PDB file of N, CA and C in Angstrom:
ATOM      1  N   MET A   1      27.573 -48.803  -5.768  1.00  0.00           N
ATOM      2  CA  MET A   1      26.982 -47.493  -5.400  1.00  0.00           C
ATOM      3  C   MET A   1      26.226 -46.892  -6.605  1.00  0.00           C
ATOM      4  N   SER A   2      26.577 -47.206  -7.782  1.00  0.00           N
ATOM      5  CA  SER A   2      25.938 -46.662  -8.966  1.00  0.00           C
ATOM      6  C   SER A   2      24.471 -47.227  -9.105  1.00  0.00           C
ATOM      7  N   LYS A   3      24.270 -48.518  -8.604  1.00  0.00           N
ATOM      8  CA  LYS A   3      22.896 -49.078  -8.585  1.00  0.00           C
ATOM      9  C   LYS A   3      22.010 -48.222  -7.704  1.00  0.00           C
ATOM     10  N   ARG A   4      22.540 -47.910  -6.546  1.00  0.00           N
ATOM     11  CA  ARG A   4      21.773 -47.123  -5.566  1.00  0.00           C
ATOM     12  C   ARG A   4      21.429 -45.747  -6.122  1.00  0.00           C
ATOM     13  N   LYS A   5      22.435 -45.148  -6.785  1.00  0.00           N
ATOM     14  CA  LYS A   5      22.187 -43.770  -7.398  1.00  0.00           C
ATOM     15  C   LYS A   5      21.154 -43.877  -8.523  1.00  0.00           C
ATOM     16  N   ASN A   6      21.251 -44.934  -9.307  1.00  0.00           N
ATOM     17  CA  ASN A   6      20.320 -45.134 -10.398  1.00  0.00           C
ATOM     18  C   ASN A   6      18.913 -45.334  -9.889  1.00  0.00           C
ATOM     19  N   ARG A   7      18.761 -46.081  -8.751  1.00  0.00           N
ATOM     20  CA  ARG A   7      17.461 -46.337  -8.140  1.00  0.00           C
ATOM     21  C   ARG A   7      16.842 -45.017  -7.667  1.00  0.00           C
ATOM     22  N   TRP A   8      17.669 -44.189  -6.945  1.00  0.00           N
ATOM     23  CA  TRP A   8      17.174 -42.903  -6.505  1.00  0.00           C
ATOM     24  C   TRP A   8      16.783 -41.967  -7.620  1.00  0.00           C
ATOM     25  N   SER A   9      17.501 -42.078  -8.772  1.00  0.00           N
ATOM     26  CA  SER A   9      17.182 -41.221  -9.889  1.00  0.00           C
ATOM     27  C   SER A   9      15.826 -41.696 -10.474  1.00  0.00           C
ATOM     28  N   LYS A  10      15.565 -42.937 -10.500  1.00  0.00           N
ATOM     29  CA  LYS A  10      14.315 -43.443 -11.005  1.00  0.00           C
ATOM     30  C   LYS A  10      13.159 -43.061 -10.068  1.00  0.00           C
ATOM     31  N   LEU A  11      13.357 -43.164  -8.785  1.00  0.00           N
ATOM     32  CA  LEU A  11      12.353 -42.705  -7.805  1.00  0.00           C
ATOM     33  C   LEU A  11      12.072 -41.274  -7.916  1.00  0.00           C
ATOM     34  N   ALA A  12      13.110 -40.445  -8.091  1.00  0.00           N
ATOM     35  CA  ALA A  12      12.900 -38.978  -8.255  1.00  0.00           C
ATOM     36  C   ALA A  12      12.107 -38.685  -9.497  1.00  0.00           C
ATOM     37  N   LEU A  13      12.373 -39.405 -10.611  1.00  0.00           N
ATOM     38  CA  LEU A  13      11.679 -39.177 -11.876  1.00  0.00           C
ATOM     39  C   LEU A  13      10.205 -39.562 -11.706  1.00  0.00           C
ATOM     40  N   VAL A  14       9.962 -40.661 -11.002  1.00  0.00           N
ATOM     41  CA  VAL A  14       8.539 -41.091 -10.787  1.00  0.00           C
ATOM     42  C   VAL A  14       7.796 -40.064  -9.971  1.00  0.00           C
ATOM     43  N   ALA A  15       8.455 -39.540  -8.909  1.00  0.00           N
ATOM     44  CA  ALA A  15       7.847 -38.553  -8.052  1.00  0.00           C
ATOM     45  C   ALA A  15       7.563 -37.255  -8.862  1.00  0.00           C
ATOM     46  N   LEU A  16       8.499 -36.857  -9.631  1.00  0.00           N
ATOM     47  CA  LEU A  16       8.329 -35.690 -10.467  1.00  0.00           C
ATOM     48  C   LEU A  16       7.176 -35.824 -11.443  1.00  0.00           C
ATOM     49  N   LEU A  17       7.132 -36.930 -12.136  1.00  0.00           N
ATOM     50  CA  LEU A  17       5.994 -37.176 -13.110  1.00  0.00           C
ATOM     51  C   LEU A  17       4.677 -37.260 -12.376  1.00  0.00           C
ATOM     52  N   GLY A  18       4.646 -37.879 -11.223  1.00  0.00           N
ATOM     53  CA  GLY A  18       3.421 -37.968 -10.432  1.00  0.00           C
ATOM     54  C   GLY A  18       2.919 -36.550 -10.021  1.00  0.00           C
ATOM     55  N   GLY A  19       3.869 -35.678  -9.636  1.00  0.00           N
ATOM     56  CA  GLY A  19       3.513 -34.324  -9.299  1.00  0.00           C
ATOM     57  C   GLY A  19       2.942 -33.546 -10.481  1.00  0.00           C
ATOM     58  N   ILE A  20       3.568 -33.700 -11.610  1.00  0.00           N
ATOM     59  CA  ILE A  20       3.135 -33.045 -12.819  1.00  0.00           C
ATOM     60  C   ILE A  20       1.780 -33.522 -13.238  1.00  0.00           C
ATOM     61  N   LEU A  21       1.508 -34.797 -13.207  1.00  0.00           N
ATOM     62  CA  LEU A  21       0.221 -35.368 -13.593  1.00  0.00           C
ATOM     63  C   LEU A  21      -0.889 -34.918 -12.609  1.00  0.00           C
ATOM     64  N   SER A  22      -0.590 -34.899 -11.308  1.00  0.00           N
ATOM     65  CA  SER A  22      -1.654 -34.501 -10.364  1.00  0.00           C
ATOM     66  C   SER A  22      -1.969 -33.037 -10.518  1.00  0.00           C
ATOM     67  N   ALA A  23      -0.970 -32.233 -10.833  1.00  0.00           N
ATOM     68  CA  ALA A  23      -1.239 -30.803 -11.041  1.00  0.00           C
ATOM     69  C   ALA A  23      -2.096 -30.587 -12.299  1.00  0.00           C
ATOM     70  N   ALA A  24      -1.876 -31.404 -13.313  1.00  0.00           N
ATOM     71  CA  ALA A  24      -2.688 -31.283 -14.545  1.00  0.00           C
ATOM     72  C   ALA A  24      -4.125 -31.560 -14.293  1.00  0.00           C
ATOM     73  N   ASN A  25      -4.418 -32.313 -13.282  1.00  0.00           N
ATOM     74  CA  ASN A  25      -5.820 -32.657 -12.928  1.00  0.00           C
ATOM     75  C   ASN A  25      -6.403 -31.817 -11.855  1.00  0.00           C
ATOM     76  N   ALA A  26      -5.840 -30.660 -11.535  1.00  0.00           N
ATOM     77  CA  ALA A  26      -6.318 -29.835 -10.449  1.00  0.00           C
ATOM     78  C   ALA A  26      -7.594 -29.161 -10.813  1.00  0.00           C
ATOM     79  N   ASP A  27      -8.505 -28.972  -9.747  1.00  0.00           N
ATOM     80  CA  ASP A  27      -9.736 -28.322  -9.927  1.00  0.00           C
ATOM     81  C   ASP A  27      -9.635 -26.834  -9.984  1.00  0.00           C
ATOM     82  N   THR A  28     -10.563 -26.178 -10.625  1.00  0.00           N
ATOM     83  CA  THR A  28     -10.596 -24.718 -10.704  1.00  0.00           C
ATOM     84  C   THR A  28     -11.711 -24.255  -9.840  1.00  0.00           C
ATOM     85  N   LEU A  29     -11.444 -23.340  -8.912  1.00  0.00           N
ATOM     86  CA  LEU A  29     -12.493 -22.747  -8.034  1.00  0.00           C
ATOM     87  C   LEU A  29     -13.116 -21.570  -8.748  1.00  0.00           C
ATOM     88  N   GLN A  30     -14.404 -21.678  -8.955  1.00  0.00           N
ATOM     89  CA  GLN A  30     -15.141 -20.517  -9.587  1.00  0.00           C
ATOM     90  C   GLN A  30     -15.856 -19.786  -8.469  1.00  0.00           C
ATOM     91  N   MET A  31     -15.615 -18.453  -8.443  1.00  0.00           N
ATOM     92  CA  MET A  31     -16.223 -17.537  -7.490  1.00  0.00           C
ATOM     93  C   MET A  31     -17.015 -16.510  -8.271  1.00  0.00           C
ATOM     94  N   GLY A  32     -18.282 -16.510  -8.136  1.00  0.00           N
ATOM     95  CA  GLY A  32     -19.094 -15.540  -8.846  1.00  0.00           C
ATOM     96  C   GLY A  32     -19.122 -14.222  -8.165  1.00  0.00           C
ATOM     97  N   GLY A  33     -19.229 -13.164  -8.933  1.00  0.00           N
ATOM     98  CA  GLY A  33     -19.386 -11.820  -8.402  1.00  0.00           C
ATOM     99  C   GLY A  33     -18.159 -11.159  -7.772  1.00  0.00           C
ATOM    100  N   THR A  34     -16.982 -11.659  -7.979  1.00  0.00           N
ATOM    101  CA  THR A  34     -15.860 -11.126  -7.390  1.00  0.00           C
ATOM    102  C   THR A  34     -14.967 -10.286  -8.348  1.00  0.00           C
ATOM    103  N   GLY A  35     -15.213 -10.449  -9.611  1.00  0.00           N
ATOM    104  CA  GLY A  35     -14.422  -9.687 -10.580  1.00  0.00           C
ATOM    105  C   GLY A  35     -14.857  -8.296 -10.751  1.00  0.00           C
ATOM    106  N   PRO A  36     -14.038  -7.510 -11.494  1.00  0.00           N
ATOM    107  CA  PRO A  36     -14.413  -6.116 -11.736  1.00  0.00           C
ATOM    108  C   PRO A  36     -15.665  -5.960 -12.571  1.00  0.00           C
ATOM    109  N   ALA A  37     -16.046  -7.044 -13.280  1.00  0.00           N
ATOM    110  CA  ALA A  37     -17.220  -6.927 -14.164  1.00  0.00           C
ATOM    111  C   ALA A  37     -18.544  -7.332 -13.426  1.00  0.00           C
ATOM    112  N   ALA A  38     -18.425  -7.545 -12.126  1.00  0.00           N
ATOM    113  CA  ALA A  38     -19.667  -7.900 -11.365  1.00  0.00           C
ATOM    114  C   ALA A  38     -20.584  -6.745 -11.378  1.00  0.00           C
ATOM    115  N   ASN A  39     -21.760  -6.901 -11.977  1.00  0.00           N
ATOM    116  CA  ASN A  39     -22.727  -5.783 -12.137  1.00  0.00           C
ATOM    117  C   ASN A  39     -23.884  -6.044 -11.143  1.00  0.00           C
ATOM    118  N   ASP A  40     -23.627  -5.728  -9.914  1.00  0.00           N
ATOM    119  CA  ASP A  40     -24.686  -5.921  -8.906  1.00  0.00           C
ATOM    120  C   ASP A  40     -25.188  -4.614  -8.346  1.00  0.00           C
ATOM    121  N   GLY A  41     -24.990  -3.500  -9.027  1.00  0.00           N
ATOM    122  CA  GLY A  41     -25.510  -2.205  -8.621  1.00  0.00           C
ATOM    123  C   GLY A  41     -24.599  -1.379  -7.720  1.00  0.00           C
ATOM    124  N   ARG A  42     -23.424  -1.882  -7.450  1.00  0.00           N
ATOM    125  CA  ARG A  42     -22.515  -1.168  -6.587  1.00  0.00           C
ATOM    126  C   ARG A  42     -21.814  -0.025  -7.338  1.00  0.00           C
ATOM    127  N   PRO A  43     -21.424   1.002  -6.662  1.00  0.00           N
ATOM    128  CA  PRO A  43     -20.640   2.063  -7.322  1.00  0.00           C
ATOM    129  C   PRO A  43     -19.301   1.435  -7.775  1.00  0.00           C
ATOM    130  N   THR A  44     -18.775   1.963  -8.826  1.00  0.00           N
ATOM    131  CA  THR A  44     -17.545   1.408  -9.386  1.00  0.00           C
ATOM    132  C   THR A  44     -16.346   2.233  -8.839  1.00  0.00           C
ATOM    133  N   ARG A  45     -15.209   1.619  -8.877  1.00  0.00           N
ATOM    134  CA  ARG A  45     -13.951   2.251  -8.437  1.00  0.00           C
ATOM    135  C   ARG A  45     -13.753   3.461  -9.253  1.00  0.00           C
ATOM    136  N   GLY A  46     -13.400   4.556  -8.542  1.00  0.00           N
ATOM    137  CA  GLY A  46     -13.075   5.862  -9.245  1.00  0.00           C
ATOM    138  C   GLY A  46     -14.218   6.827  -9.256  1.00  0.00           C
ATOM    139  N   MET A  47     -15.428   6.360  -9.010  1.00  0.00           N
ATOM    140  CA  MET A  47     -16.543   7.334  -8.993  1.00  0.00           C
ATOM    141  C   MET A  47     -16.294   8.389  -7.885  1.00  0.00           C
ATOM    142  N   THR A  48     -16.784   9.573  -8.143  1.00  0.00           N
ATOM    143  CA  THR A  48     -16.614  10.643  -7.131  1.00  0.00           C
ATOM    144  C   THR A  48     -17.772  10.524  -6.138  1.00  0.00           C
ATOM    145  N   GLN A  49     -17.579  11.174  -4.953  1.00  0.00           N
ATOM    146  CA  GLN A  49     -18.671  11.214  -3.955  1.00  0.00           C
ATOM    147  C   GLN A  49     -19.941  11.901  -4.563  1.00  0.00           C
ATOM    148  N   ALA A  50     -19.706  12.938  -5.353  1.00  0.00           N
ATOM    149  CA  ALA A  50     -20.868  13.569  -5.931  1.00  0.00           C
ATOM    150  C   ALA A  50     -21.623  12.708  -6.887  1.00  0.00           C
ATOM    151  N   SER A  51     -20.917  11.888  -7.733  1.00  0.00           N
ATOM    152  CA  SER A  51     -21.603  11.030  -8.652  1.00  0.00           C
ATOM    153  C   SER A  51     -22.324   9.862  -7.893  1.00  0.00           C
ATOM    154  N   VAL A  52     -21.695   9.356  -6.825  1.00  0.00           N
ATOM    155  CA  VAL A  52     -22.362   8.339  -6.040  1.00  0.00           C
ATOM    156  C   VAL A  52     -23.604   8.917  -5.392  1.00  0.00           C
ATOM    157  N   GLN A  53     -23.580  10.092  -4.853  1.00  0.00           N
ATOM    158  CA  GLN A  53     -24.742  10.706  -4.204  1.00  0.00           C
ATOM    159  C   GLN A  53     -25.867  10.983  -5.292  1.00  0.00           C
ATOM    160  N   ALA A  54     -25.439  11.375  -6.475  1.00  0.00           N
ATOM    161  CA  ALA A  54     -26.383  11.637  -7.529  1.00  0.00           C
ATOM    162  C   ALA A  54     -27.068  10.370  -7.959  1.00  0.00           C
ATOM    163  N   LYS A  55     -26.375   9.237  -8.030  1.00  0.00           N
ATOM    164  CA  LYS A  55     -26.918   8.032  -8.511  1.00  0.00           C
ATOM    165  C   LYS A  55     -27.657   7.238  -7.428  1.00  0.00           C
ATOM    166  N   TYR A  56     -27.151   7.217  -6.234  1.00  0.00           N
ATOM    167  CA  TYR A  56     -27.696   6.344  -5.174  1.00  0.00           C
ATOM    168  C   TYR A  56     -28.433   7.125  -4.112  1.00  0.00           C
ATOM    169  N   GLY A  57     -28.351   8.475  -4.135  1.00  0.00           N
ATOM    170  CA  GLY A  57     -28.966   9.322  -3.094  1.00  0.00           C
ATOM    171  C   GLY A  57     -28.065   9.523  -1.919  1.00  0.00           C
ATOM    172  N   ALA A  58     -28.598  10.193  -0.913  1.00  0.00           N
ATOM    173  CA  ALA A  58     -27.765  10.487   0.298  1.00  0.00           C
ATOM    174  C   ALA A  58     -27.602   9.244   1.073  1.00  0.00           C
ATOM    175  N   PRO A  59     -26.452   9.051   1.682  1.00  0.00           N
ATOM    176  CA  PRO A  59     -26.248   7.825   2.498  1.00  0.00           C
ATOM    177  C   PRO A  59     -27.027   7.920   3.817  1.00  0.00           C
ATOM    178  N   ALA A  60     -27.313   6.735   4.362  1.00  0.00           N
ATOM    179  CA  ALA A  60     -28.081   6.654   5.618  1.00  0.00           C
ATOM    180  C   ALA A  60     -27.163   7.251   6.781  1.00  0.00           C
ATOM    181  N   SER A  61     -25.899   6.991   6.624  1.00  0.00           N
ATOM    182  CA  SER A  61     -24.949   7.540   7.668  1.00  0.00           C
ATOM    183  C   SER A  61     -23.554   7.624   7.017  1.00  0.00           C
ATOM    184  N   THR A  62     -22.753   8.541   7.508  1.00  0.00           N
ATOM    185  CA  THR A  62     -21.354   8.622   7.071  1.00  0.00           C
ATOM    186  C   THR A  62     -20.408   8.559   8.289  1.00  0.00           C
ATOM    187  N   LYS A  63     -19.223   8.050   8.036  1.00  0.00           N
ATOM    188  CA  LYS A  63     -18.206   7.959   9.055  1.00  0.00           C
ATOM    189  C   LYS A  63     -17.091   8.918   8.613  1.00  0.00           C
ATOM    190  N   ALA A  64     -16.558   9.676   9.544  1.00  0.00           N
ATOM    191  CA  ALA A  64     -15.549  10.669   9.274  1.00  0.00           C
ATOM    192  C   ALA A  64     -14.255  10.024   8.689  1.00  0.00           C
ATOM    193  N   ALA A  65     -13.520  10.839   7.937  1.00  0.00           N
ATOM    194  CA  ALA A  65     -12.243  10.317   7.321  1.00  0.00           C
ATOM    195  C   ALA A  65     -11.313   9.894   8.421  1.00  0.00           C
ATOM    196  N   VAL A  66     -10.589   8.766   8.189  1.00  0.00           N
ATOM    197  CA  VAL A  66      -9.621   8.241   9.158  1.00  0.00           C
ATOM    198  C   VAL A  66      -8.385   7.887   8.379  1.00  0.00           C
ATOM    199  N   GLY A  67      -7.190   8.243   8.949  1.00  0.00           N
ATOM    200  CA  GLY A  67      -5.946   7.783   8.346  1.00  0.00           C
ATOM    201  C   GLY A  67      -5.353   8.721   7.410  1.00  0.00           C
ATOM    202  N   ASP A  68      -4.241   8.300   6.765  1.00  0.00           N
ATOM    203  CA  ASP A  68      -3.548   9.010   5.761  1.00  0.00           C
ATOM    204  C   ASP A  68      -3.058   8.069   4.694  1.00  0.00           C
ATOM    205  N   PRO A  69      -3.684   8.032   3.480  1.00  0.00           N
ATOM    206  CA  PRO A  69      -4.710   8.952   3.049  1.00  0.00           C
ATOM    207  C   PRO A  69      -6.076   8.735   3.764  1.00  0.00           C
ATOM    208  N   PRO A  70      -6.846   9.804   3.735  1.00  0.00           N
ATOM    209  CA  PRO A  70      -8.155   9.731   4.485  1.00  0.00           C
ATOM    210  C   PRO A  70      -9.089   8.816   3.808  1.00  0.00           C
ATOM    211  N   ILE A  71      -9.629   7.859   4.638  1.00  0.00           N
ATOM    212  CA  ILE A  71     -10.652   6.889   4.103  1.00  0.00           C
ATOM    213  C   ILE A  71     -11.974   7.245   4.785  1.00  0.00           C
ATOM    214  N   THR A  72     -13.020   7.498   3.919  1.00  0.00           N
ATOM    215  CA  THR A  72     -14.340   7.842   4.431  1.00  0.00           C
ATOM    216  C   THR A  72     -15.274   6.676   4.110  1.00  0.00           C
ATOM    217  N   ARG A  73     -16.275   6.496   4.945  1.00  0.00           N
ATOM    218  CA  ARG A  73     -17.215   5.383   4.732  1.00  0.00           C
ATOM    219  C   ARG A  73     -18.628   5.930   4.707  1.00  0.00           C
ATOM    220  N   TRP A  74     -19.328   5.579   3.613  1.00  0.00           N
ATOM    221  CA  TRP A  74     -20.785   5.919   3.519  1.00  0.00           C
ATOM    222  C   TRP A  74     -21.569   4.623   3.648  1.00  0.00           C
ATOM    223  N   GLU A  75     -22.590   4.633   4.506  1.00  0.00           N
ATOM    224  CA  GLU A  75     -23.426   3.454   4.664  1.00  0.00           C
ATOM    225  C   GLU A  75     -24.827   3.770   4.085  1.00  0.00           C
ATOM    226  N   TYR A  76     -25.212   2.824   3.205  1.00  0.00           N
ATOM    227  CA  TYR A  76     -26.526   2.783   2.637  1.00  0.00           C
ATOM    228  C   TYR A  76     -27.251   1.621   3.224  1.00  0.00           C
ATOM    229  N   ALA A  77     -28.549   1.507   2.951  1.00  0.00           N
ATOM    230  CA  ALA A  77     -29.334   0.370   3.489  1.00  0.00           C
ATOM    231  C   ALA A  77     -28.832  -1.020   3.020  1.00  0.00           C
ATOM    232  N   ASN A  78     -28.313  -1.079   1.806  1.00  0.00           N
ATOM    233  CA  ASN A  78     -27.885  -2.336   1.278  1.00  0.00           C
ATOM    234  C   ASN A  78     -26.377  -2.426   0.989  1.00  0.00           C
ATOM    235  N   MET A  79     -25.626  -1.403   1.190  1.00  0.00           N
ATOM    236  CA  MET A  79     -24.228  -1.464   0.843  1.00  0.00           C
ATOM    237  C   MET A  79     -23.400  -0.436   1.656  1.00  0.00           C
ATOM    238  N   ILE A  80     -22.087  -0.613   1.625  1.00  0.00           N
ATOM    239  CA  ILE A  80     -21.115   0.316   2.265  1.00  0.00           C
ATOM    240  C   ILE A  80     -20.141   0.716   1.213  1.00  0.00           C
ATOM    241  N   VAL A  81     -19.918   2.016   1.059  1.00  0.00           N
ATOM    242  CA  VAL A  81     -18.988   2.528   0.052  1.00  0.00           C
ATOM    243  C   VAL A  81     -17.804   3.183   0.747  1.00  0.00           C
ATOM    244  N   TYR A  82     -16.624   2.838   0.369  1.00  0.00           N
ATOM    245  CA  TYR A  82     -15.388   3.448   0.947  1.00  0.00           C
ATOM    246  C   TYR A  82     -14.744   4.323  -0.037  1.00  0.00           C
ATOM    247  N   PHE A  83     -14.351   5.539   0.450  1.00  0.00           N
ATOM    248  CA  PHE A  83     -13.720   6.555  -0.414  1.00  0.00           C
ATOM    249  C   PHE A  83     -12.300   6.887   0.101  1.00  0.00           C
ATOM    250  N   GLU A  84     -11.394   7.103  -0.835  1.00  0.00           N
ATOM    251  CA  GLU A  84     -10.108   7.640  -0.529  1.00  0.00           C
ATOM    252  C   GLU A  84     -10.141   9.076  -1.106  1.00  0.00           C
ATOM    253  N   TYR A  85      -9.974  10.024  -0.255  1.00  0.00           N
ATOM    254  CA  TYR A  85     -10.291  11.422  -0.640  1.00  0.00           C
ATOM    255  C   TYR A  85     -11.723  11.455  -1.086  1.00  0.00           C
ATOM    256  N   ASP A  86     -11.990  11.730  -2.347  1.00  0.00           N
ATOM    257  CA  ASP A  86     -13.408  11.795  -2.789  1.00  0.00           C
ATOM    258  C   ASP A  86     -13.706  10.764  -3.871  1.00  0.00           C
ATOM    259  N   ARG A  87     -12.884   9.707  -3.989  1.00  0.00           N
ATOM    260  CA  ARG A  87     -13.035   8.699  -4.999  1.00  0.00           C
ATOM    261  C   ARG A  87     -13.355   7.290  -4.358  1.00  0.00           C
ATOM    262  N   VAL A  88     -14.224   6.598  -5.019  1.00  0.00           N
ATOM    263  CA  VAL A  88     -14.557   5.216  -4.517  1.00  0.00           C
ATOM    264  C   VAL A  88     -13.380   4.329  -4.649  1.00  0.00           C
ATOM    265  N   ILE A  89     -13.013   3.651  -3.587  1.00  0.00           N
ATOM    266  CA  ILE A  89     -12.027   2.622  -3.682  1.00  0.00           C
ATOM    267  C   ILE A  89     -12.580   1.219  -3.546  1.00  0.00           C
ATOM    268  N   HIS A  90     -13.746   1.083  -2.858  1.00  0.00           N
ATOM    269  CA  HIS A  90     -14.369  -0.222  -2.685  1.00  0.00           C
ATOM    270  C   HIS A  90     -15.818  -0.025  -2.309  1.00  0.00           C
ATOM    271  N   ALA A  91     -16.657  -0.923  -2.716  1.00  0.00           N
ATOM    272  CA  ALA A  91     -18.075  -0.904  -2.264  1.00  0.00           C
ATOM    273  C   ALA A  91     -18.505  -2.330  -2.081  1.00  0.00           C
ATOM    274  N   VAL A  92     -19.129  -2.659  -0.907  1.00  0.00           N
ATOM    275  CA  VAL A  92     -19.536  -4.011  -0.576  1.00  0.00           C
ATOM    276  C   VAL A  92     -21.019  -4.023  -0.280  1.00  0.00           C
ATOM    277  N   MET A  93     -21.626  -5.113  -0.673  1.00  0.00           N
ATOM    278  CA  MET A  93     -23.080  -5.287  -0.387  1.00  0.00           C
ATOM    279  C   MET A  93     -23.174  -5.861   1.088  1.00  0.00           C
ATOM    280  N   LYS A  94     -24.177  -5.379   1.789  1.00  0.00           N
ATOM    281  CA  LYS A  94     -24.466  -5.931   3.126  1.00  0.00           C
ATOM    282  C   LYS A  94     -25.135  -7.262   2.982  1.00  0.00           C
ATOM    283  N   ARG A  95     -24.955  -8.125   3.956  1.00  0.00           N
ATOM    284  CA  ARG A  95     -25.634  -9.427   3.959  1.00  0.00           C
ATOM    285  C   ARG A  95     -27.025  -9.297   4.574  1.00  0.00           C
TER     286      ARG A  95
END
């Protein structure tokens, strides 16, 4: 029985080393423009509605606040800006 146990131990060690080596060769996915430093002209998180309007002008349309906390959406020709109360929480470019 000790030979069988020894064999399983060796197989487990080989599997473990194989997993470690394959993880060491893993690829890294690079996604451009998704980080906080993406400078594509969008309003940044924390800007007020007044500062967004001063910088980008009046929105083409606005959607009334929904939910709690209230989320408001301003639509521009090339982007949509989401506000929580009066602060930007997210801005996305239109396709």
